[in-house]
Amino acid sequence: ATEVDAACRSLAVDAGYGDWFLHSTGHGVGLRIHEDPFESQVSTQTLVAGDVVTVEPGLYRVGFGGFRIEDLVEVERGGCRVLTQSPKDTPCLPSPPTT
């Protein structure tokens, strides 16, 4: 699960939003809406085929606000399947801060 969090953080850093990534990346969904496995920098859990998890990296700026786009994903053997059908083609971020 740490690998998912690290990949999301890396994308945020590469796009200039590394300082905005202040939260964990996601969690399992099953009998409860928030359950194991948790995707974070400190997670010791492993994702396995059949897990249904959120991937919801959030970007937050103190004094400005933030947002989070959530996908529901099923972990499969050798990969994953995104269950969310929502489009993501609407720009919603300001330019990264220069300071």
PDB file of N, CA and C in Angstrom:
ATOM      1  N   ALA A   1       0.819  -1.201   0.000  1.00  0.00           N
ATOM      2  CA  ALA A   1       0.000   0.000   0.000  1.00  0.00           C
ATOM      3  C   ALA A   1       0.865   1.268   0.000  1.00  0.00           C
ATOM      4  N   THR A   2       2.074   1.160   0.553  1.00  0.00           N
ATOM      5  CA  THR A   2       2.949   2.337   0.536  1.00  0.00           C
ATOM      6  C   THR A   2       3.359   2.701  -0.885  1.00  0.00           C
ATOM      7  N   GLU A   3       3.409   1.706  -1.777  1.00  0.00           N
ATOM      8  CA  GLU A   3       3.806   1.972  -3.164  1.00  0.00           C
ATOM      9  C   GLU A   3       2.786   2.856  -3.873  1.00  0.00           C
ATOM     10  N   VAL A   4       1.497   2.646  -3.596  1.00  0.00           N
ATOM     11  CA  VAL A   4       0.443   3.476  -4.196  1.00  0.00           C
ATOM     12  C   VAL A   4       0.586   4.908  -3.701  1.00  0.00           C
ATOM     13  N   ASP A   5       0.780   5.060  -2.394  1.00  0.00           N
ATOM     14  CA  ASP A   5       0.954   6.391  -1.823  1.00  0.00           C
ATOM     15  C   ASP A   5       2.190   7.072  -2.409  1.00  0.00           C
ATOM     16  N   ALA A   6       3.289   6.342  -2.512  1.00  0.00           N
ATOM     17  CA  ALA A   6       4.530   6.915  -3.052  1.00  0.00           C
ATOM     18  C   ALA A   6       4.363   7.342  -4.504  1.00  0.00           C
ATOM     19  N   ALA A   7       3.650   6.548  -5.297  1.00  0.00           N
ATOM     20  CA  ALA A   7       3.434   6.903  -6.704  1.00  0.00           C
ATOM     21  C   ALA A   7       2.619   8.183  -6.825  1.00  0.00           C
ATOM     22  N   CYS A   8       1.587   8.321  -6.005  1.00  0.00           N
ATOM     23  CA  CYS A   8       0.767   9.539  -6.043  1.00  0.00           C
ATOM     24  C   CYS A   8       1.569  10.753  -5.593  1.00  0.00           C
ATOM     25  N   ARG A   9       2.355  10.584  -4.535  1.00  0.00           N
ATOM     26  CA  ARG A   9       3.190  11.695  -4.059  1.00  0.00           C
ATOM     27  C   ARG A   9       4.210  12.104  -5.111  1.00  0.00           C
ATOM     28  N   SER A  10       4.779  11.145  -5.792  1.00  0.00           N
ATOM     29  CA  SER A  10       5.762  11.435  -6.834  1.00  0.00           C
ATOM     30  C   SER A  10       5.145  12.259  -7.965  1.00  0.00           C
ATOM     31  N   LEU A  11       3.942  11.905  -8.368  1.00  0.00           N
ATOM     32  CA  LEU A  11       3.251  12.681  -9.408  1.00  0.00           C
ATOM     33  C   LEU A  11       3.000  14.109  -8.947  1.00  0.00           C
ATOM     34  N   ALA A  12       2.597  14.270  -7.681  1.00  0.00           N
ATOM     35  CA  ALA A  12       2.348  15.609  -7.146  1.00  0.00           C
ATOM     36  C   ALA A  12       3.636  16.430  -7.116  1.00  0.00           C
ATOM     37  N   VAL A  13       4.720  15.819  -6.691  1.00  0.00           N
ATOM     38  CA  VAL A  13       6.019  16.509  -6.648  1.00  0.00           C
ATOM     39  C   VAL A  13       6.439  16.916  -8.055  1.00  0.00           C
ATOM     40  N   ASP A  14       6.342  15.993  -8.997  1.00  0.00           N
ATOM     41  CA  ASP A  14       6.746  16.276 -10.379  1.00  0.00           C
ATOM     42  C   ASP A  14       5.931  17.403 -11.005  1.00  0.00           C
ATOM     43  N   ALA A  15       4.678  17.551 -10.568  1.00  0.00           N
ATOM     44  CA  ALA A  15       3.806  18.601 -11.105  1.00  0.00           C
ATOM     45  C   ALA A  15       3.942  19.914 -10.337  1.00  0.00           C
ATOM     46  N   GLY A  16       4.787  19.941  -9.293  1.00  0.00           N
ATOM     47  CA  GLY A  16       4.995  21.166  -8.533  1.00  0.00           C
ATOM     48  C   GLY A  16       4.076  21.327  -7.335  1.00  0.00           C
ATOM     49  N   TYR A  17       3.356  20.260  -6.958  1.00  0.00           N
ATOM     50  CA  TYR A  17       2.410  20.335  -5.844  1.00  0.00           C
ATOM     51  C   TYR A  17       2.831  19.487  -4.645  1.00  0.00           C
ATOM     52  N   GLY A  18       4.090  19.133  -4.541  1.00  0.00           N
ATOM     53  CA  GLY A  18       4.541  18.274  -3.456  1.00  0.00           C
ATOM     54  C   GLY A  18       4.207  18.800  -2.075  1.00  0.00           C
ATOM     55  N   ASP A  19       4.339  20.105  -1.870  1.00  0.00           N
ATOM     56  CA  ASP A  19       4.045  20.699  -0.565  1.00  0.00           C
ATOM     57  C   ASP A  19       2.553  20.721  -0.262  1.00  0.00           C
ATOM     58  N   TRP A  20       1.730  20.450  -1.257  1.00  0.00           N
ATOM     59  CA  TRP A  20       0.271  20.449  -1.073  1.00  0.00           C
ATOM     60  C   TRP A  20      -0.250  19.077  -0.650  1.00  0.00           C
ATOM     61  N   PHE A  21       0.550  18.038  -0.761  1.00  0.00           N
ATOM     62  CA  PHE A  21       0.111  16.665  -0.491  1.00  0.00           C
ATOM     63  C   PHE A  21       0.259  16.399   1.002  1.00  0.00           C
ATOM     64  N   LEU A  22      -0.796  16.626   1.766  1.00  0.00           N
ATOM     65  CA  LEU A  22      -0.720  16.596   3.226  1.00  0.00           C
ATOM     66  C   LEU A  22      -1.470  15.431   3.857  1.00  0.00           C
ATOM     67  N   HIS A  23      -1.969  14.492   3.090  1.00  0.00           N
ATOM     68  CA  HIS A  23      -2.881  13.467   3.589  1.00  0.00           C
ATOM     69  C   HIS A  23      -2.485  12.110   3.020  1.00  0.00           C
ATOM     70  N   SER A  24      -2.998  11.053   3.584  1.00  0.00           N
ATOM     71  CA  SER A  24      -2.768   9.726   3.002  1.00  0.00           C
ATOM     72  C   SER A  24      -3.536   9.594   1.688  1.00  0.00           C
ATOM     73  N   THR A  25      -3.234   8.563   0.924  1.00  0.00           N
ATOM     74  CA  THR A  25      -3.771   8.424  -0.431  1.00  0.00           C
ATOM     75  C   THR A  25      -5.102   7.695  -0.505  1.00  0.00           C
ATOM     76  N   GLY A  26      -5.335   6.726   0.337  1.00  0.00           N
ATOM     77  CA  GLY A  26      -6.591   5.994   0.218  1.00  0.00           C
ATOM     78  C   GLY A  26      -6.748   4.911   1.261  1.00  0.00           C
ATOM     79  N   HIS A  27      -7.808   4.114   1.077  1.00  0.00           N
ATOM     80  CA  HIS A  27      -8.174   3.098   2.058  1.00  0.00           C
ATOM     81  C   HIS A  27      -9.034   2.034   1.397  1.00  0.00           C
ATOM     82  N   GLY A  28      -9.182   0.932   2.092  1.00  0.00           N
ATOM     83  CA  GLY A  28     -10.048  -0.124   1.609  1.00  0.00           C
ATOM     84  C   GLY A  28     -11.514   0.241   1.764  1.00  0.00           C
ATOM     85  N   VAL A  29     -12.349  -0.396   0.946  1.00  0.00           N
ATOM     86  CA  VAL A  29     -13.803  -0.234   1.014  1.00  0.00           C
ATOM     87  C   VAL A  29     -14.400  -1.636   0.982  1.00  0.00           C
ATOM     88  N   GLY A  30     -15.304  -1.914   1.895  1.00  0.00           N
ATOM     89  CA  GLY A  30     -15.926  -3.239   1.941  1.00  0.00           C
ATOM     90  C   GLY A  30     -17.157  -3.194   2.805  1.00  0.00           C
ATOM     91  N   LEU A  31     -17.061  -3.785   3.973  1.00  0.00           N
ATOM     92  CA  LEU A  31     -18.182  -3.738   4.910  1.00  0.00           C
ATOM     93  C   LEU A  31     -18.324  -2.354   5.524  1.00  0.00           C
ATOM     94  N   ARG A  32     -17.235  -1.614   5.572  1.00  0.00           N
ATOM     95  CA  ARG A  32     -17.244  -0.225   6.054  1.00  0.00           C
ATOM     96  C   ARG A  32     -16.635   0.647   4.963  1.00  0.00           C
ATOM     97  N   ILE A  33     -16.934   1.911   5.003  1.00  0.00           N
ATOM     98  CA  ILE A  33     -16.420   2.820   3.970  1.00  0.00           C
ATOM     99  C   ILE A  33     -14.931   3.104   4.160  1.00  0.00           C
ATOM    100  N   HIS A  34     -14.430   3.070   5.388  1.00  0.00           N
ATOM    101  CA  HIS A  34     -12.999   3.256   5.656  1.00  0.00           C
ATOM    102  C   HIS A  34     -12.495   2.029   6.401  1.00  0.00           C
ATOM    103  N   GLU A  35     -11.705   1.219   5.737  1.00  0.00           N
ATOM    104  CA  GLU A  35     -11.168   0.021   6.372  1.00  0.00           C
ATOM    105  C   GLU A  35      -9.827  -0.334   5.744  1.00  0.00           C
ATOM    106  N   ASP A  36      -9.179  -1.355   6.307  1.00  0.00           N
ATOM    107  CA  ASP A  36      -7.920  -1.842   5.742  1.00  0.00           C
ATOM    108  C   ASP A  36      -8.147  -2.317   4.313  1.00  0.00           C
ATOM    109  N   PRO A  37      -7.122  -2.248   3.506  1.00  0.00           N
ATOM    110  CA  PRO A  37      -5.783  -1.701   3.736  1.00  0.00           C
ATOM    111  C   PRO A  37      -5.759  -0.185   3.537  1.00  0.00           C
ATOM    112  N   PHE A  38      -4.953   0.490   4.331  1.00  0.00           N
ATOM    113  CA  PHE A  38      -4.787   1.935   4.212  1.00  0.00           C
ATOM    114  C   PHE A  38      -3.533   2.230   3.397  1.00  0.00           C
ATOM    115  N   GLU A  39      -3.640   3.164   2.454  1.00  0.00           N
ATOM    116  CA  GLU A  39      -2.518   3.558   1.602  1.00  0.00           C
ATOM    117  C   GLU A  39      -1.926   4.849   2.155  1.00  0.00           C
ATOM    118  N   SER A  40      -0.772   4.736   2.776  1.00  0.00           N
ATOM    119  CA  SER A  40      -0.118   5.904   3.361  1.00  0.00           C
ATOM    120  C   SER A  40       1.388   5.684   3.363  1.00  0.00           C
ATOM    121  N   GLN A  41       2.108   6.726   3.763  1.00  0.00           N
ATOM    122  CA  GLN A  41       3.567   6.635   3.820  1.00  0.00           C
ATOM    123  C   GLN A  41       4.039   5.628   4.854  1.00  0.00           C
ATOM    124  N   VAL A  42       3.230   5.368   5.866  1.00  0.00           N
ATOM    125  CA  VAL A  42       3.656   4.502   6.967  1.00  0.00           C
ATOM    126  C   VAL A  42       2.937   3.151   6.978  1.00  0.00           C
ATOM    127  N   SER A  43       2.152   2.869   5.976  1.00  0.00           N
ATOM    128  CA  SER A  43       1.407   1.611   5.938  1.00  0.00           C
ATOM    129  C   SER A  43       2.354   0.417   5.837  1.00  0.00           C
ATOM    130  N   THR A  44       2.029  -0.631   6.566  1.00  0.00           N
ATOM    131  CA  THR A  44       2.761  -1.892   6.450  1.00  0.00           C
ATOM    132  C   THR A  44       1.890  -2.956   5.780  1.00  0.00           C
ATOM    133  N   GLN A  45       0.739  -2.537   5.268  1.00  0.00           N
ATOM    134  CA  GLN A  45      -0.212  -3.469   4.669  1.00  0.00           C
ATOM    135  C   GLN A  45       0.099  -3.705   3.194  1.00  0.00           C
ATOM    136  N   THR A  46      -0.315  -4.852   2.701  1.00  0.00           N
ATOM    137  CA  THR A  46      -0.095  -5.237   1.313  1.00  0.00           C
ATOM    138  C   THR A  46      -1.430  -5.319   0.596  1.00  0.00           C
ATOM    139  N   LEU A  47      -1.493  -4.762  -0.610  1.00  0.00           N
ATOM    140  CA  LEU A  47      -2.694  -4.894  -1.427  1.00  0.00           C
ATOM    141  C   LEU A  47      -2.668  -6.263  -2.102  1.00  0.00           C
ATOM    142  N   VAL A  48      -3.815  -6.950  -2.103  1.00  0.00           N
ATOM    143  CA  VAL A  48      -3.902  -8.270  -2.729  1.00  0.00           C
ATOM    144  C   VAL A  48      -5.092  -8.306  -3.677  1.00  0.00           C
ATOM    145  N   ALA A  49      -5.031  -9.211  -4.638  1.00  0.00           N
ATOM    146  CA  ALA A  49      -6.117  -9.356  -5.602  1.00  0.00           C
ATOM    147  C   ALA A  49      -7.440  -9.526  -4.865  1.00  0.00           C
ATOM    148  N   GLY A  50      -8.433  -8.775  -5.322  1.00  0.00           N
ATOM    149  CA  GLY A  50      -9.751  -8.801  -4.701  1.00  0.00           C
ATOM    150  C   GLY A  50     -10.006  -7.628  -3.780  1.00  0.00           C
ATOM    151  N   ASP A  51      -8.950  -6.955  -3.315  1.00  0.00           N
ATOM    152  CA  ASP A  51      -9.153  -5.756  -2.496  1.00  0.00           C
ATOM    153  C   ASP A  51      -9.840  -4.692  -3.333  1.00  0.00           C
ATOM    154  N   VAL A  52     -10.772  -3.980  -2.726  1.00  0.00           N
ATOM    155  CA  VAL A  52     -11.367  -2.800  -3.347  1.00  0.00           C
ATOM    156  C   VAL A  52     -10.926  -1.624  -2.494  1.00  0.00           C
ATOM    157  N   VAL A  53     -10.249  -0.679  -3.124  1.00  0.00           N
ATOM    158  CA  VAL A  53      -9.666   0.451  -2.404  1.00  0.00           C
ATOM    159  C   VAL A  53      -9.992   1.764  -3.110  1.00  0.00           C
ATOM    160  N   THR A  54      -9.884   2.826  -2.352  1.00  0.00           N
ATOM    161  CA  THR A  54      -9.951   4.148  -2.961  1.00  0.00           C
ATOM    162  C   THR A  54      -8.538   4.589  -3.289  1.00  0.00           C
ATOM    163  N   VAL A  55      -8.414   5.372  -4.321  1.00  0.00           N
ATOM    164  CA  VAL A  55      -7.183   6.107  -4.612  1.00  0.00           C
ATOM    165  C   VAL A  55      -7.652   7.543  -4.718  1.00  0.00           C
ATOM    166  N   GLU A  56      -7.364   8.319  -3.679  1.00  0.00           N
ATOM    167  CA  GLU A  56      -7.918   9.665  -3.574  1.00  0.00           C
ATOM    168  C   GLU A  56      -6.878  10.667  -3.085  1.00  0.00           C
ATOM    169  N   PRO A  57      -5.839  10.864  -3.871  1.00  0.00           N
ATOM    170  CA  PRO A  57      -4.833  11.834  -3.440  1.00  0.00           C
ATOM    171  C   PRO A  57      -5.450  13.220  -3.331  1.00  0.00           C
ATOM    172  N   GLY A  58      -5.185  13.869  -2.223  1.00  0.00           N
ATOM    173  CA  GLY A  58      -5.714  15.215  -2.009  1.00  0.00           C
ATOM    174  C   GLY A  58      -4.598  16.232  -1.980  1.00  0.00           C
ATOM    175  N   LEU A  59      -4.892  17.395  -2.475  1.00  0.00           N
ATOM    176  CA  LEU A  59      -3.942  18.506  -2.435  1.00  0.00           C
ATOM    177  C   LEU A  59      -4.578  19.627  -1.640  1.00  0.00           C
ATOM    178  N   TYR A  60      -3.868  20.110  -0.626  1.00  0.00           N
ATOM    179  CA  TYR A  60      -4.393  21.136   0.265  1.00  0.00           C
ATOM    180  C   TYR A  60      -3.348  22.218   0.457  1.00  0.00           C
ATOM    181  N   ARG A  61      -3.784  23.452   0.432  1.00  0.00           N
ATOM    182  CA  ARG A  61      -2.896  24.598   0.656  1.00  0.00           C
ATOM    183  C   ARG A  61      -3.457  25.393   1.818  1.00  0.00           C
ATOM    184  N   VAL A  62      -2.681  25.517   2.890  1.00  0.00           N
ATOM    185  CA  VAL A  62      -3.106  26.276   4.059  1.00  0.00           C
ATOM    186  C   VAL A  62      -3.449  27.696   3.630  1.00  0.00           C
ATOM    187  N   GLY A  63      -4.599  28.181   4.057  1.00  0.00           N
ATOM    188  CA  GLY A  63      -5.040  29.527   3.714  1.00  0.00           C
ATOM    189  C   GLY A  63      -5.690  29.631   2.350  1.00  0.00           C
ATOM    190  N   PHE A  64      -5.732  28.522   1.616  1.00  0.00           N
ATOM    191  CA  PHE A  64      -6.311  28.537   0.273  1.00  0.00           C
ATOM    192  C   PHE A  64      -7.462  27.553   0.164  1.00  0.00           C
ATOM    193  N   GLY A  65      -7.221  26.326   0.538  1.00  0.00           N
ATOM    194  CA  GLY A  65      -8.223  25.265   0.422  1.00  0.00           C
ATOM    195  C   GLY A  65      -7.593  24.039  -0.197  1.00  0.00           C
ATOM    196  N   GLY A  66      -8.429  23.200  -0.744  1.00  0.00           N
ATOM    197  CA  GLY A  66      -7.903  21.996  -1.352  1.00  0.00           C
ATOM    198  C   GLY A  66      -8.982  21.201  -2.045  1.00  0.00           C
ATOM    199  N   PHE A  67      -8.585  20.087  -2.580  1.00  0.00           N
ATOM    200  CA  PHE A  67      -9.548  19.197  -3.226  1.00  0.00           C
ATOM    201  C   PHE A  67      -8.981  17.784  -3.274  1.00  0.00           C
ATOM    202  N   ARG A  68      -9.859  16.868  -3.596  1.00  0.00           N
ATOM    203  CA  ARG A  68      -9.518  15.457  -3.661  1.00  0.00           C
ATOM    204  C   ARG A  68     -10.366  14.839  -4.764  1.00  0.00           C
ATOM    205  N   ILE A  69      -9.748  14.065  -5.621  1.00  0.00           N
ATOM    206  CA  ILE A  69     -10.478  13.309  -6.639  1.00  0.00           C
ATOM    207  C   ILE A  69     -10.347  11.841  -6.258  1.00  0.00           C
ATOM    208  N   GLU A  70     -11.485  11.168  -6.103  1.00  0.00           N
ATOM    209  CA  GLU A  70     -11.471   9.789  -5.618  1.00  0.00           C
ATOM    210  C   GLU A  70     -11.859   8.803  -6.710  1.00  0.00           C
ATOM    211  N   ASP A  71     -11.060   7.760  -6.823  1.00  0.00           N
ATOM    212  CA  ASP A  71     -11.395   6.632  -7.686  1.00  0.00           C
ATOM    213  C   ASP A  71     -11.562   5.397  -6.818  1.00  0.00           C
ATOM    214  N   LEU A  72     -12.479   4.541  -7.218  1.00  0.00           N
ATOM    215  CA  LEU A  72     -12.641   3.239  -6.601  1.00  0.00           C
ATOM    216  C   LEU A  72     -11.949   2.234  -7.517  1.00  0.00           C
ATOM    217  N   VAL A  73     -11.070   1.431  -6.947  1.00  0.00           N
ATOM    218  CA  VAL A  73     -10.213   0.552  -7.741  1.00  0.00           C
ATOM    219  C   VAL A  73     -10.263  -0.864  -7.163  1.00  0.00           C
ATOM    220  N   GLU A  74     -10.379  -1.845  -8.047  1.00  0.00           N
ATOM    221  CA  GLU A  74     -10.269  -3.242  -7.627  1.00  0.00           C
ATOM    222  C   GLU A  74      -8.861  -3.729  -7.955  1.00  0.00           C
ATOM    223  N   VAL A  75      -8.195  -4.261  -6.951  1.00  0.00           N
ATOM    224  CA  VAL A  75      -6.861  -4.815  -7.155  1.00  0.00           C
ATOM    225  C   VAL A  75      -7.022  -6.182  -7.818  1.00  0.00           C
ATOM    226  N   GLU A  76      -6.299  -6.366  -8.919  1.00  0.00           N
ATOM    227  CA  GLU A  76      -6.328  -7.639  -9.642  1.00  0.00           C
ATOM    228  C   GLU A  76      -4.934  -8.245  -9.645  1.00  0.00           C
ATOM    229  N   ARG A  77      -4.845  -9.482  -9.981  1.00  0.00           N
ATOM    230  CA  ARG A  77      -3.542 -10.134 -10.087  1.00  0.00           C
ATOM    231  C   ARG A  77      -2.743  -9.430 -11.186  1.00  0.00           C
ATOM    232  N   GLY A  78      -1.626  -8.844 -10.836  1.00  0.00           N
ATOM    233  CA  GLY A  78      -0.775  -8.175 -11.814  1.00  0.00           C
ATOM    234  C   GLY A  78      -1.223  -6.781 -12.206  1.00  0.00           C
ATOM    235  N   GLY A  79      -2.191  -6.193 -11.515  1.00  0.00           N
ATOM    236  CA  GLY A  79      -2.635  -4.847 -11.881  1.00  0.00           C
ATOM    237  C   GLY A  79      -3.876  -4.428 -11.116  1.00  0.00           C
ATOM    238  N   CYS A  80      -4.679  -3.617 -11.766  1.00  0.00           N
ATOM    239  CA  CYS A  80      -5.893  -3.134 -11.123  1.00  0.00           C
ATOM    240  C   CYS A  80      -6.927  -2.767 -12.183  1.00  0.00           C
ATOM    241  N   ARG A  81      -8.166  -2.578 -11.723  1.00  0.00           N
ATOM    242  CA  ARG A  81      -9.255  -2.154 -12.600  1.00  0.00           C
ATOM    243  C   ARG A  81      -9.941  -0.974 -11.932  1.00  0.00           C
ATOM    244  N   VAL A  82      -9.992   0.157 -12.626  1.00  0.00           N
ATOM    245  CA  VAL A  82     -10.652   1.345 -12.095  1.00  0.00           C
ATOM    246  C   VAL A  82     -12.156   1.164 -12.266  1.00  0.00           C
ATOM    247  N   LEU A  83     -12.885   1.242 -11.162  1.00  0.00           N
ATOM    248  CA  LEU A  83     -14.331   1.062 -11.179  1.00  0.00           C
ATOM    249  C   LEU A  83     -15.070   2.376 -11.395  1.00  0.00           C
ATOM    250  N   THR A  84     -14.447   3.486 -11.056  1.00  0.00           N
ATOM    251  CA  THR A  84     -15.050   4.809 -11.205  1.00  0.00           C
ATOM    252  C   THR A  84     -15.216   5.143 -12.677  1.00  0.00           C
ATOM    253  N   GLN A  85     -16.351   5.710 -13.031  1.00  0.00           N
ATOM    254  CA  GLN A  85     -16.644   6.048 -14.421  1.00  0.00           C
ATOM    255  C   GLN A  85     -16.608   7.554 -14.696  1.00  0.00           C
ATOM    256  N   SER A  86     -16.345   8.370 -13.680  1.00  0.00           N
ATOM    257  CA  SER A  86     -16.387   9.829 -13.830  1.00  0.00           C
ATOM    258  C   SER A  86     -15.254  10.343 -14.707  1.00  0.00           C
ATOM    259  N   PRO A  87     -15.543  11.331 -15.578  1.00  0.00           N
ATOM    260  CA  PRO A  87     -14.471  11.937 -16.375  1.00  0.00           C
ATOM    261  C   PRO A  87     -13.578  12.812 -15.496  1.00  0.00           C
ATOM    262  N   LYS A  88     -12.351  13.001 -15.923  1.00  0.00           N
ATOM    263  CA  LYS A  88     -11.408  13.838 -15.170  1.00  0.00           C
ATOM    264  C   LYS A  88     -10.721  14.840 -16.083  1.00  0.00           C
ATOM    265  N   ASP A  89     -11.457  15.382 -17.017  1.00  0.00           N
ATOM    266  CA  ASP A  89     -10.843  16.273 -17.994  1.00  0.00           C
ATOM    267  C   ASP A  89     -11.110  17.747 -17.732  1.00  0.00           C
ATOM    268  N   THR A  90     -11.676  18.083 -16.579  1.00  0.00           N
ATOM    269  CA  THR A  90     -11.932  19.475 -16.244  1.00  0.00           C
ATOM    270  C   THR A  90     -10.794  20.005 -15.384  1.00  0.00           C
ATOM    271  N   PRO A  91     -10.076  21.036 -15.837  1.00  0.00           N
ATOM    272  CA  PRO A  91      -9.003  21.603 -15.017  1.00  0.00           C
ATOM    273  C   PRO A  91      -9.577  22.180 -13.725  1.00  0.00           C
ATOM    274  N   CYS A  92      -8.918  21.892 -12.618  1.00  0.00           N
ATOM    275  CA  CYS A  92      -9.446  22.383 -11.351  1.00  0.00           C
ATOM    276  C   CYS A  92      -8.360  22.881 -10.410  1.00  0.00           C
ATOM    277  N   LEU A  93      -7.145  22.981 -10.861  1.00  0.00           N
ATOM    278  CA  LEU A  93      -6.054  23.435 -10.007  1.00  0.00           C
ATOM    279  C   LEU A  93      -5.491  24.760 -10.480  1.00  0.00           C
ATOM    280  N   PRO A  94      -5.152  25.626  -9.526  1.00  0.00           N
ATOM    281  CA  PRO A  94      -4.404  26.817  -9.920  1.00  0.00           C
ATOM    282  C   PRO A  94      -2.971  26.406 -10.248  1.00  0.00           C
ATOM    283  N   SER A  95      -2.228  27.293 -10.807  1.00  0.00           N
ATOM    284  CA  SER A  95      -0.810  27.018 -11.064  1.00  0.00           C
ATOM    285  C   SER A  95      -0.098  26.782  -9.746  1.00  0.00           C
ATOM    286  N   PRO A  96       0.927  25.936  -9.724  1.00  0.00           N
ATOM    287  CA  PRO A  96       1.669  25.714  -8.488  1.00  0.00           C
ATOM    288  C   PRO A  96       2.288  27.018  -7.999  1.00  0.00           C
ATOM    289  N   PRO A  97       2.423  27.142  -6.677  1.00  0.00           N
ATOM    290  CA  PRO A  97       3.037  28.357  -6.137  1.00  0.00           C
ATOM    291  C   PRO A  97       4.497  28.458  -6.563  1.00  0.00           C
ATOM    292  N   THR A  98       4.964  29.661  -6.732  1.00  0.00           N
ATOM    293  CA  THR A  98       6.353  29.869  -7.138  1.00  0.00           C
ATOM    294  C   THR A  98       7.259  30.116  -5.943  1.00  0.00           C
ATOM    295  N   THR A  99       6.682  30.256  -4.764  1.00  0.00           N
ATOM    296  CA  THR A  99       7.503  30.475  -3.562  1.00  0.00           C
ATOM    297  C   THR A  99       7.425  29.325  -2.623  1.00  0.00           C
TER     298      THR A  99
END
